[in-house]
mmCIF file of all heavy atoms, coordinates in Angstrom:
data_MODEL
# 
_entry.id   MODEL 
# 
loop_
_atom_site.group_PDB 
_atom_site.id 
_atom_site.type_symbol 
_atom_site.label_atom_id 
_atom_site.label_alt_id 
_atom_site.label_comp_id 
_atom_site.label_asym_id 
_atom_site.label_entity_id 
_atom_site.label_seq_id 
_atom_site.pdbx_PDB_ins_code 
_atom_site.Cartn_x 
_atom_site.Cartn_y 
_atom_site.Cartn_z 
_atom_site.occupancy 
_atom_site.B_iso_or_equiv 
_atom_site.pdbx_formal_charge 
_atom_site.auth_seq_id 
_atom_site.auth_comp_id 
_atom_site.auth_asym_id 
_atom_site.auth_atom_id 
_atom_site.pdbx_PDB_model_num 
ATOM 1   N N   . SER A 1 1  ? 130.679 95.450  91.809  1.00 0.00 ? 1  SER A N   1 
ATOM 2   C CA  . SER A 1 1  ? 131.310 96.659  91.273  1.00 0.00 ? 1  SER A CA  1 
ATOM 3   C C   . SER A 1 1  ? 132.123 97.352  92.358  1.00 0.00 ? 1  SER A C   1 
ATOM 4   O O   . SER A 1 1  ? 131.736 97.349  93.531  1.00 0.00 ? 1  SER A O   1 
ATOM 5   C CB  . SER A 1 1  ? 130.220 97.612  90.748  1.00 0.00 ? 1  SER A CB  1 
ATOM 6   O OG  . SER A 1 1  ? 130.766 98.852  90.370  1.00 0.00 ? 1  SER A OG  1 
ATOM 7   N N   . PRO A 1 2  ? 133.270 97.949  91.975  1.00 0.00 ? 2  PRO A N   1 
ATOM 8   C CA  . PRO A 1 2  ? 134.019 98.724  92.971  1.00 0.00 ? 2  PRO A CA  1 
ATOM 9   C C   . PRO A 1 2  ? 133.237 99.950  93.413  1.00 0.00 ? 2  PRO A C   1 
ATOM 10  O O   . PRO A 1 2  ? 132.403 100.477 92.678  1.00 0.00 ? 2  PRO A O   1 
ATOM 11  C CB  . PRO A 1 2  ? 135.309 99.113  92.235  1.00 0.00 ? 2  PRO A CB  1 
ATOM 12  C CG  . PRO A 1 2  ? 134.941 99.064  90.789  1.00 0.00 ? 2  PRO A CG  1 
ATOM 13  C CD  . PRO A 1 2  ? 133.918 97.971  90.657  1.00 0.00 ? 2  PRO A CD  1 
ATOM 14  N N   . VAL A 1 3  ? 133.496 100.396 94.619  1.00 0.00 ? 3  VAL A N   1 
ATOM 15  C CA  . VAL A 1 3  ? 132.852 101.587 95.177  1.00 0.00 ? 3  VAL A CA  1 
ATOM 16  C C   . VAL A 1 3  ? 133.880 102.707 95.221  1.00 0.00 ? 3  VAL A C   1 
ATOM 17  O O   . VAL A 1 3  ? 134.942 102.551 95.816  1.00 0.00 ? 3  VAL A O   1 
ATOM 18  C CB  . VAL A 1 3  ? 132.296 101.315 96.590  1.00 0.00 ? 3  VAL A CB  1 
ATOM 19  C CG1 . VAL A 1 3  ? 131.699 102.590 97.183  1.00 0.00 ? 3  VAL A CG1 1 
ATOM 20  C CG2 . VAL A 1 3  ? 131.258 100.205 96.539  1.00 0.00 ? 3  VAL A CG2 1 
ATOM 21  N N   . THR A 1 4  ? 133.565 103.805 94.568  1.00 0.00 ? 4  THR A N   1 
ATOM 22  C CA  . THR A 1 4  ? 134.445 104.966 94.594  1.00 0.00 ? 4  THR A CA  1 
ATOM 23  C C   . THR A 1 4  ? 134.018 105.877 95.736  1.00 0.00 ? 4  THR A C   1 
ATOM 24  O O   . THR A 1 4  ? 132.925 106.422 95.732  1.00 0.00 ? 4  THR A O   1 
ATOM 25  C CB  . THR A 1 4  ? 134.396 105.744 93.270  1.00 0.00 ? 4  THR A CB  1 
ATOM 26  O OG1 . THR A 1 4  ? 134.796 104.872 92.209  1.00 0.00 ? 4  THR A OG1 1 
ATOM 27  C CG2 . THR A 1 4  ? 135.329 106.943 93.309  1.00 0.00 ? 4  THR A CG2 1 
ATOM 28  N N   . GLU A 1 5  ? 134.884 105.988 96.741  1.00 0.00 ? 5  GLU A N   1 
ATOM 29  C CA  . GLU A 1 5  ? 134.585 106.820 97.897  1.00 0.00 ? 5  GLU A CA  1 
ATOM 30  C C   . GLU A 1 5  ? 135.733 107.798 98.102  1.00 0.00 ? 5  GLU A C   1 
ATOM 31  O O   . GLU A 1 5  ? 136.880 107.391 98.316  1.00 0.00 ? 5  GLU A O   1 
ATOM 32  C CB  . GLU A 1 5  ? 134.426 105.957 99.158  1.00 0.00 ? 5  GLU A CB  1 
ATOM 33  C CG  . GLU A 1 5  ? 133.188 105.083 99.129  1.00 0.00 ? 5  GLU A CG  1 
ATOM 34  C CD  . GLU A 1 5  ? 133.106 104.199 100.369 1.00 0.00 ? 5  GLU A CD  1 
ATOM 35  O OE1 . GLU A 1 5  ? 134.141 103.678 100.792 1.00 0.00 ? 5  GLU A OE1 1 
ATOM 36  O OE2 . GLU A 1 5  ? 131.985 104.033 100.889 1.00 0.00 ? 5  GLU A OE2 1 
ATOM 37  N N   . TRP A 1 6  ? 135.430 109.064 98.046  1.00 0.00 ? 6  TRP A N   1 
ATOM 38  C CA  . TRP A 1 6  ? 136.468 110.062 98.273  1.00 0.00 ? 6  TRP A CA  1 
ATOM 39  C C   . TRP A 1 6  ? 136.697 110.284 99.766  1.00 0.00 ? 6  TRP A C   1 
ATOM 40  O O   . TRP A 1 6  ? 137.731 110.829 100.157 1.00 0.00 ? 6  TRP A O   1 
ATOM 41  C CB  . TRP A 1 6  ? 136.087 111.371 97.578  1.00 0.00 ? 6  TRP A CB  1 
ATOM 42  C CG  . TRP A 1 6  ? 135.919 111.189 96.100  1.00 0.00 ? 6  TRP A CG  1 
ATOM 43  C CD1 . TRP A 1 6  ? 134.758 111.253 95.383  1.00 0.00 ? 6  TRP A CD1 1 
ATOM 44  C CD2 . TRP A 1 6  ? 136.934 110.863 95.145  1.00 0.00 ? 6  TRP A CD2 1 
ATOM 45  N NE1 . TRP A 1 6  ? 134.972 110.999 94.057  1.00 0.00 ? 6  TRP A NE1 1 
ATOM 46  C CE2 . TRP A 1 6  ? 136.314 110.759 93.872  1.00 0.00 ? 6  TRP A CE2 1 
ATOM 47  C CE3 . TRP A 1 6  ? 138.307 110.628 95.219  1.00 0.00 ? 6  TRP A CE3 1 
ATOM 48  C CZ2 . TRP A 1 6  ? 137.012 110.446 92.711  1.00 0.00 ? 6  TRP A CZ2 1 
ATOM 49  C CZ3 . TRP A 1 6  ? 139.002 110.321 94.054  1.00 0.00 ? 6  TRP A CZ3 1 
ATOM 50  C CH2 . TRP A 1 6  ? 138.355 110.236 92.822  1.00 0.00 ? 6  TRP A CH2 1 
ATOM 51  N N   . ALA A 1 7  ? 135.762 109.846 100.578 1.00 0.00 ? 7  ALA A N   1 
ATOM 52  C CA  . ALA A 1 7  ? 135.967 109.873 102.024 1.00 0.00 ? 7  ALA A CA  1 
ATOM 53  C C   . ALA A 1 7  ? 136.778 108.648 102.438 1.00 0.00 ? 7  ALA A C   1 
ATOM 54  O O   . ALA A 1 7  ? 136.623 107.567 101.860 1.00 0.00 ? 7  ALA A O   1 
ATOM 55  C CB  . ALA A 1 7  ? 134.624 109.873 102.750 1.00 0.00 ? 7  ALA A CB  1 
ATOM 56  N N   . SER A 1 8  ? 137.643 108.791 103.414 1.00 0.00 ? 8  SER A N   1 
ATOM 57  C CA  . SER A 1 8  ? 138.560 107.728 103.797 1.00 0.00 ? 8  SER A CA  1 
ATOM 58  C C   . SER A 1 8  ? 137.837 106.574 104.471 1.00 0.00 ? 8  SER A C   1 
ATOM 59  O O   . SER A 1 8  ? 136.859 106.756 105.186 1.00 0.00 ? 8  SER A O   1 
ATOM 60  C CB  . SER A 1 8  ? 139.642 108.274 104.735 1.00 0.00 ? 8  SER A CB  1 
ATOM 61  O OG  . SER A 1 8  ? 139.052 108.784 105.913 1.00 0.00 ? 8  SER A OG  1 
ATOM 62  N N   . ARG A 1 9  ? 138.311 105.358 104.213 1.00 0.00 ? 9  ARG A N   1 
ATOM 63  C CA  . ARG A 1 9  ? 137.831 104.133 104.859 1.00 0.00 ? 9  ARG A CA  1 
ATOM 64  C C   . ARG A 1 9  ? 139.035 103.481 105.518 1.00 0.00 ? 9  ARG A C   1 
ATOM 65  O O   . ARG A 1 9  ? 140.029 103.207 104.856 1.00 0.00 ? 9  ARG A O   1 
ATOM 66  C CB  . ARG A 1 9  ? 137.172 103.216 103.824 1.00 0.00 ? 9  ARG A CB  1 
ATOM 67  C CG  . ARG A 1 9  ? 136.563 101.956 104.410 1.00 0.00 ? 9  ARG A CG  1 
ATOM 68  C CD  . ARG A 1 9  ? 135.764 101.181 103.370 1.00 0.00 ? 9  ARG A CD  1 
ATOM 69  N NE  . ARG A 1 9  ? 134.487 101.832 103.100 1.00 0.00 ? 9  ARG A NE  1 
ATOM 70  C CZ  . ARG A 1 9  ? 133.394 101.667 103.826 1.00 0.00 ? 9  ARG A CZ  1 
ATOM 71  N NH1 . ARG A 1 9  ? 133.405 100.872 104.875 1.00 0.00 ? 9  ARG A NH1 1 
ATOM 72  N NH2 . ARG A 1 9  ? 132.267 102.285 103.510 1.00 0.00 ? 9  ARG A NH2 1 
ATOM 73  N N   . GLY A 1 10 ? 138.946 103.212 106.819 1.00 0.00 ? 10 GLY A N   1 
ATOM 74  C CA  . GLY A 1 10 ? 140.137 102.829 107.548 1.00 0.00 ? 10 GLY A CA  1 
ATOM 75  C C   . GLY A 1 10 ? 140.200 101.406 108.056 1.00 0.00 ? 10 GLY A C   1 
ATOM 76  O O   . GLY A 1 10 ? 141.263 100.966 108.499 1.00 0.00 ? 10 GLY A O   1 
ATOM 77  N N   . THR A 1 11 ? 139.087 100.634 108.006 1.00 0.00 ? 11 THR A N   1 
ATOM 78  C CA  . THR A 1 11 ? 139.122 99.303  108.611 1.00 0.00 ? 11 THR A CA  1 
ATOM 79  C C   . THR A 1 11 ? 138.552 98.198  107.728 1.00 0.00 ? 11 THR A C   1 
ATOM 80  O O   . THR A 1 11 ? 138.771 97.023  108.018 1.00 0.00 ? 11 THR A O   1 
ATOM 81  C CB  . THR A 1 11 ? 138.339 99.291  109.942 1.00 0.00 ? 11 THR A CB  1 
ATOM 82  O OG1 . THR A 1 11 ? 136.940 99.483  109.685 1.00 0.00 ? 11 THR A OG1 1 
ATOM 83  C CG2 . THR A 1 11 ? 138.842 100.380 110.881 1.00 0.00 ? 11 THR A CG2 1 
ATOM 84  N N   . ASP A 1 12 ? 137.805 98.517  106.697 1.00 0.00 ? 12 ASP A N   1 
ATOM 85  C CA  . ASP A 1 12 ? 137.266 97.477  105.828 1.00 0.00 ? 12 ASP A CA  1 
ATOM 86  C C   . ASP A 1 12 ? 137.234 97.963  104.388 1.00 0.00 ? 12 ASP A C   1 
ATOM 87  O O   . ASP A 1 12 ? 137.547 99.120  104.089 1.00 0.00 ? 12 ASP A O   1 
ATOM 88  C CB  . ASP A 1 12 ? 135.872 97.025  106.289 1.00 0.00 ? 12 ASP A CB  1 
ATOM 89  C CG  . ASP A 1 12 ? 134.804 98.108  106.169 1.00 0.00 ? 12 ASP A CG  1 
ATOM 90  O OD1 . ASP A 1 12 ? 135.112 99.225  105.708 1.00 0.00 ? 12 ASP A OD1 1 
ATOM 91  O OD2 . ASP A 1 12 ? 133.640 97.836  106.529 1.00 0.00 ? 12 ASP A OD2 1 
ATOM 92  N N   . VAL A 1 13 ? 136.880 97.040  103.478 1.00 0.00 ? 13 VAL A N   1 
ATOM 93  C CA  . VAL A 1 13 ? 136.781 97.348  102.046 1.00 0.00 ? 13 VAL A CA  1 
ATOM 94  C C   . VAL A 1 13 ? 135.391 96.938  101.599 1.00 0.00 ? 13 VAL A C   1 
ATOM 95  O O   . VAL A 1 13 ? 134.855 95.914  102.061 1.00 0.00 ? 13 VAL A O   1 
ATOM 96  C CB  . VAL A 1 13 ? 137.852 96.586  101.238 1.00 0.00 ? 13 VAL A CB  1 
ATOM 97  C CG1 . VAL A 1 13 ? 137.712 96.863  99.752  1.00 0.00 ? 13 VAL A CG1 1 
ATOM 98  C CG2 . VAL A 1 13 ? 139.256 96.978  101.712 1.00 0.00 ? 13 VAL A CG2 1 
ATOM 99  N N   . VAL A 1 14 ? 134.787 97.720  100.718 1.00 0.00 ? 14 VAL A N   1 
ATOM 100 C CA  . VAL A 1 14 ? 133.426 97.413  100.277 1.00 0.00 ? 14 VAL A CA  1 
ATOM 101 C C   . VAL A 1 14 ? 133.358 97.277  98.765  1.00 0.00 ? 14 VAL A C   1 
ATOM 102 O O   . VAL A 1 14 ? 134.146 97.874  98.028  1.00 0.00 ? 14 VAL A O   1 
ATOM 103 C CB  . VAL A 1 14 ? 132.417 98.495  100.738 1.00 0.00 ? 14 VAL A CB  1 
ATOM 104 C CG1 . VAL A 1 14 ? 132.341 98.549  102.246 1.00 0.00 ? 14 VAL A CG1 1 
ATOM 105 C CG2 . VAL A 1 14 ? 132.776 99.856  100.175 1.00 0.00 ? 14 VAL A CG2 1 
ATOM 106 N N   . VAL A 1 15 ? 132.407 96.450  98.324  1.00 0.00 ? 15 VAL A N   1 
ATOM 107 C CA  . VAL A 1 15 ? 132.045 96.363  96.913  1.00 0.00 ? 15 VAL A CA  1 
ATOM 108 C C   . VAL A 1 15 ? 130.555 96.631  96.805  1.00 0.00 ? 15 VAL A C   1 
ATOM 109 O O   . VAL A 1 15 ? 129.785 96.369  97.742  1.00 0.00 ? 15 VAL A O   1 
ATOM 110 C CB  . VAL A 1 15 ? 132.410 94.997  96.300  1.00 0.00 ? 15 VAL A CB  1 
ATOM 111 C CG1 . VAL A 1 15 ? 133.914 94.797  96.296  1.00 0.00 ? 15 VAL A CG1 1 
ATOM 112 C CG2 . VAL A 1 15 ? 131.728 93.860  97.050  1.00 0.00 ? 15 VAL A CG2 1 
ATOM 113 N N   . ASP A 1 16 ? 130.153 97.145  95.668  1.00 0.00 ? 16 ASP A N   1 
ATOM 114 C CA  . ASP A 1 16 ? 128.769 97.553  95.460  1.00 0.00 ? 16 ASP A CA  1 
ATOM 115 C C   . ASP A 1 16 ? 127.913 96.345  95.111  1.00 0.00 ? 16 ASP A C   1 
ATOM 116 O O   . ASP A 1 16 ? 128.216 95.608  94.168  1.00 0.00 ? 16 ASP A O   1 
ATOM 117 C CB  . ASP A 1 16 ? 128.724 98.589  94.333  1.00 0.00 ? 16 ASP A CB  1 
ATOM 118 C CG  . ASP A 1 16 ? 127.363 99.258  94.206  1.00 0.00 ? 16 ASP A CG  1 
ATOM 119 O OD1 . ASP A 1 16 ? 126.420 98.836  94.896  1.00 0.00 ? 16 ASP A OD1 1 
ATOM 120 O OD2 . ASP A 1 16 ? 127.250 100.211 93.414  1.00 0.00 ? 16 ASP A OD2 1 
ATOM 121 N N   . ILE A 1 17 ? 126.816 96.158  95.869  1.00 0.00 ? 17 ILE A N   1 
ATOM 122 C CA  . ILE A 1 17 ? 125.866 95.105  95.541  1.00 0.00 ? 17 ILE A CA  1 
ATOM 123 C C   . ILE A 1 17 ? 124.465 95.651  95.311  1.00 0.00 ? 17 ILE A C   1 
ATOM 124 O O   . ILE A 1 17 ? 123.594 94.931  94.823  1.00 0.00 ? 17 ILE A O   1 
ATOM 125 C CB  . ILE A 1 17 ? 125.805 94.030  96.640  1.00 0.00 ? 17 ILE A CB  1 
ATOM 126 C CG1 . ILE A 1 17 ? 125.364 94.640  97.974  1.00 0.00 ? 17 ILE A CG1 1 
ATOM 127 C CG2 . ILE A 1 17 ? 127.146 93.307  96.777  1.00 0.00 ? 17 ILE A CG2 1 
ATOM 128 C CD1 . ILE A 1 17 ? 125.077 93.618  99.064  1.00 0.00 ? 17 ILE A CD1 1 
ATOM 129 N N   . GLY A 1 18 ? 124.225 96.931  95.675  1.00 0.00 ? 18 GLY A N   1 
ATOM 130 C CA  . GLY A 1 18 ? 122.862 97.436  95.558  1.00 0.00 ? 18 GLY A CA  1 
ATOM 131 C C   . GLY A 1 18 ? 122.726 98.933  95.435  1.00 0.00 ? 18 GLY A C   1 
ATOM 132 O O   . GLY A 1 18 ? 121.606 99.442  95.427  1.00 0.00 ? 18 GLY A O   1 
ATOM 133 N N   . GLU A 1 19 ? 123.858 99.652  95.350  1.00 0.00 ? 19 GLU A N   1 
ATOM 134 C CA  . GLU A 1 19 ? 123.764 101.108 95.257  1.00 0.00 ? 19 GLU A CA  1 
ATOM 135 C C   . GLU A 1 19 ? 123.670 101.558 93.806  1.00 0.00 ? 19 GLU A C   1 
ATOM 136 O O   . GLU A 1 19 ? 122.779 102.311 93.437  1.00 0.00 ? 19 GLU A O   1 
ATOM 137 C CB  . GLU A 1 19 ? 124.975 101.746 95.943  1.00 0.00 ? 19 GLU A CB  1 
ATOM 138 C CG  . GLU A 1 19 ? 124.813 103.236 96.204  1.00 0.00 ? 19 GLU A CG  1 
ATOM 139 C CD  . GLU A 1 19 ? 125.809 103.746 97.225  1.00 0.00 ? 19 GLU A CD  1 
ATOM 140 O OE1 . GLU A 1 19 ? 126.964 103.270 97.240  1.00 0.00 ? 19 GLU A OE1 1 
ATOM 141 O OE2 . GLU A 1 19 ? 125.428 104.623 98.027  1.00 0.00 ? 19 GLU A OE2 1 
ATOM 142 N N   . ARG A 1 20 ? 124.609 101.086 92.969  1.00 0.00 ? 20 ARG A N   1 
ATOM 143 C CA  . ARG A 1 20 ? 124.579 101.403 91.544  1.00 0.00 ? 20 ARG A CA  1 
ATOM 144 C C   . ARG A 1 20 ? 124.394 100.160 90.677  1.00 0.00 ? 20 ARG A C   1 
ATOM 145 O O   . ARG A 1 20 ? 124.176 100.260 89.473  1.00 0.00 ? 20 ARG A O   1 
ATOM 146 C CB  . ARG A 1 20 ? 125.861 102.135 91.134  1.00 0.00 ? 20 ARG A CB  1 
ATOM 147 C CG  . ARG A 1 20 ? 125.980 103.530 91.721  1.00 0.00 ? 20 ARG A CG  1 
ATOM 148 C CD  . ARG A 1 20 ? 127.249 104.231 91.248  1.00 0.00 ? 20 ARG A CD  1 
ATOM 149 N NE  . ARG A 1 20 ? 127.288 105.610 91.707  1.00 0.00 ? 20 ARG A NE  1 
ATOM 150 C CZ  . ARG A 1 20 ? 127.690 106.005 92.904  1.00 0.00 ? 20 ARG A CZ  1 
ATOM 151 N NH1 . ARG A 1 20 ? 128.100 105.088 93.788  1.00 0.00 ? 20 ARG A NH1 1 
ATOM 152 N NH2 . ARG A 1 20 ? 127.696 107.276 93.257  1.00 0.00 ? 20 ARG A NH2 1 
ATOM 153 N N   . VAL A 1 21 ? 124.522 98.998  91.301  1.00 0.00 ? 21 VAL A N   1 
ATOM 154 C CA  . VAL A 1 21 ? 124.272 97.732  90.615  1.00 0.00 ? 21 VAL A CA  1 
ATOM 155 C C   . VAL A 1 21 ? 123.212 96.978  91.406  1.00 0.00 ? 21 VAL A C   1 
ATOM 156 O O   . VAL A 1 21 ? 122.846 97.383  92.509  1.00 0.00 ? 21 VAL A O   1 
ATOM 157 C CB  . VAL A 1 21 ? 125.558 96.882  90.505  1.00 0.00 ? 21 VAL A CB  1 
ATOM 158 C CG1 . VAL A 1 21 ? 126.654 97.650  89.780  1.00 0.00 ? 21 VAL A CG1 1 
ATOM 159 C CG2 . VAL A 1 21 ? 126.043 96.442  91.884  1.00 0.00 ? 21 VAL A CG2 1 
ATOM 160 N N   . ALA A 1 22 ? 122.721 95.887  90.821  1.00 0.00 ? 22 ALA A N   1 
ATOM 161 C CA  . ALA A 1 22 ? 121.722 95.049  91.515  1.00 0.00 ? 22 ALA A CA  1 
ATOM 162 C C   . ALA A 1 22 ? 122.207 93.615  91.470  1.00 0.00 ? 22 ALA A C   1 
ATOM 163 O O   . ALA A 1 22 ? 121.862 92.849  90.565  1.00 0.00 ? 22 ALA A O   1 
ATOM 164 C CB  . ALA A 1 22 ? 120.351 95.197  90.854  1.00 0.00 ? 22 ALA A CB  1 
ATOM 165 N N   . ALA A 1 23 ? 123.028 93.245  92.438  1.00 0.00 ? 23 ALA A N   1 
ATOM 166 C CA  . ALA A 1 23 ? 123.582 91.897  92.477  1.00 0.00 ? 23 ALA A CA  1 
ATOM 167 C C   . ALA A 1 23 ? 122.522 90.913  92.960  1.00 0.00 ? 23 ALA A C   1 
ATOM 168 O O   . ALA A 1 23 ? 121.853 91.163  93.962  1.00 0.00 ? 23 ALA A O   1 
ATOM 169 C CB  . ALA A 1 23 ? 124.793 91.859  93.393  1.00 0.00 ? 23 ALA A CB  1 
ATOM 170 N N   . PRO A 1 24 ? 122.349 89.768  92.270  1.00 0.00 ? 24 PRO A N   1 
ATOM 171 C CA  . PRO A 1 24 ? 121.382 88.763  92.733  1.00 0.00 ? 24 PRO A CA  1 
ATOM 172 C C   . PRO A 1 24 ? 121.741 88.257  94.123  1.00 0.00 ? 24 PRO A C   1 
ATOM 173 O O   . PRO A 1 24 ? 122.917 88.195  94.498  1.00 0.00 ? 24 PRO A O   1 
ATOM 174 C CB  . PRO A 1 24 ? 121.515 87.652  91.683  1.00 0.00 ? 24 PRO A CB  1 
ATOM 175 C CG  . PRO A 1 24 ? 122.093 88.317  90.476  1.00 0.00 ? 24 PRO A CG  1 
ATOM 176 C CD  . PRO A 1 24 ? 122.999 89.391  91.004  1.00 0.00 ? 24 PRO A CD  1 
ATOM 177 N N   . ALA A 1 25 ? 120.732 87.872  94.862  1.00 0.00 ? 25 ALA A N   1 
ATOM 178 C CA  . ALA A 1 25 ? 120.948 87.396  96.232  1.00 0.00 ? 25 ALA A CA  1 
ATOM 179 C C   . ALA A 1 25 ? 121.881 86.189  96.256  1.00 0.00 ? 25 ALA A C   1 
ATOM 180 O O   . ALA A 1 25 ? 122.704 86.043  97.176  1.00 0.00 ? 25 ALA A O   1 
ATOM 181 C CB  . ALA A 1 25 ? 119.610 87.048  96.877  1.00 0.00 ? 25 ALA A CB  1 
ATOM 182 N N   . ALA A 1 26 ? 121.781 85.316  95.248  1.00 0.00 ? 26 ALA A N   1 
ATOM 183 C CA  . ALA A 1 26 ? 122.643 84.128  95.214  1.00 0.00 ? 26 ALA A CA  1 
ATOM 184 C C   . ALA A 1 26 ? 124.105 84.521  95.055  1.00 0.00 ? 26 ALA A C   1 
ATOM 185 O O   . ALA A 1 26 ? 124.994 83.882  95.639  1.00 0.00 ? 26 ALA A O   1 
ATOM 186 C CB  . ALA A 1 26 ? 122.212 83.211  94.071  1.00 0.00 ? 26 ALA A CB  1 
# 
């Protein structure tokens, strides 16, 4: 899932695996 961050991110991009979703380890 995409991560909505109102604070700026300047060097990398993140996707949600465990904050609001539960992505399987595989």
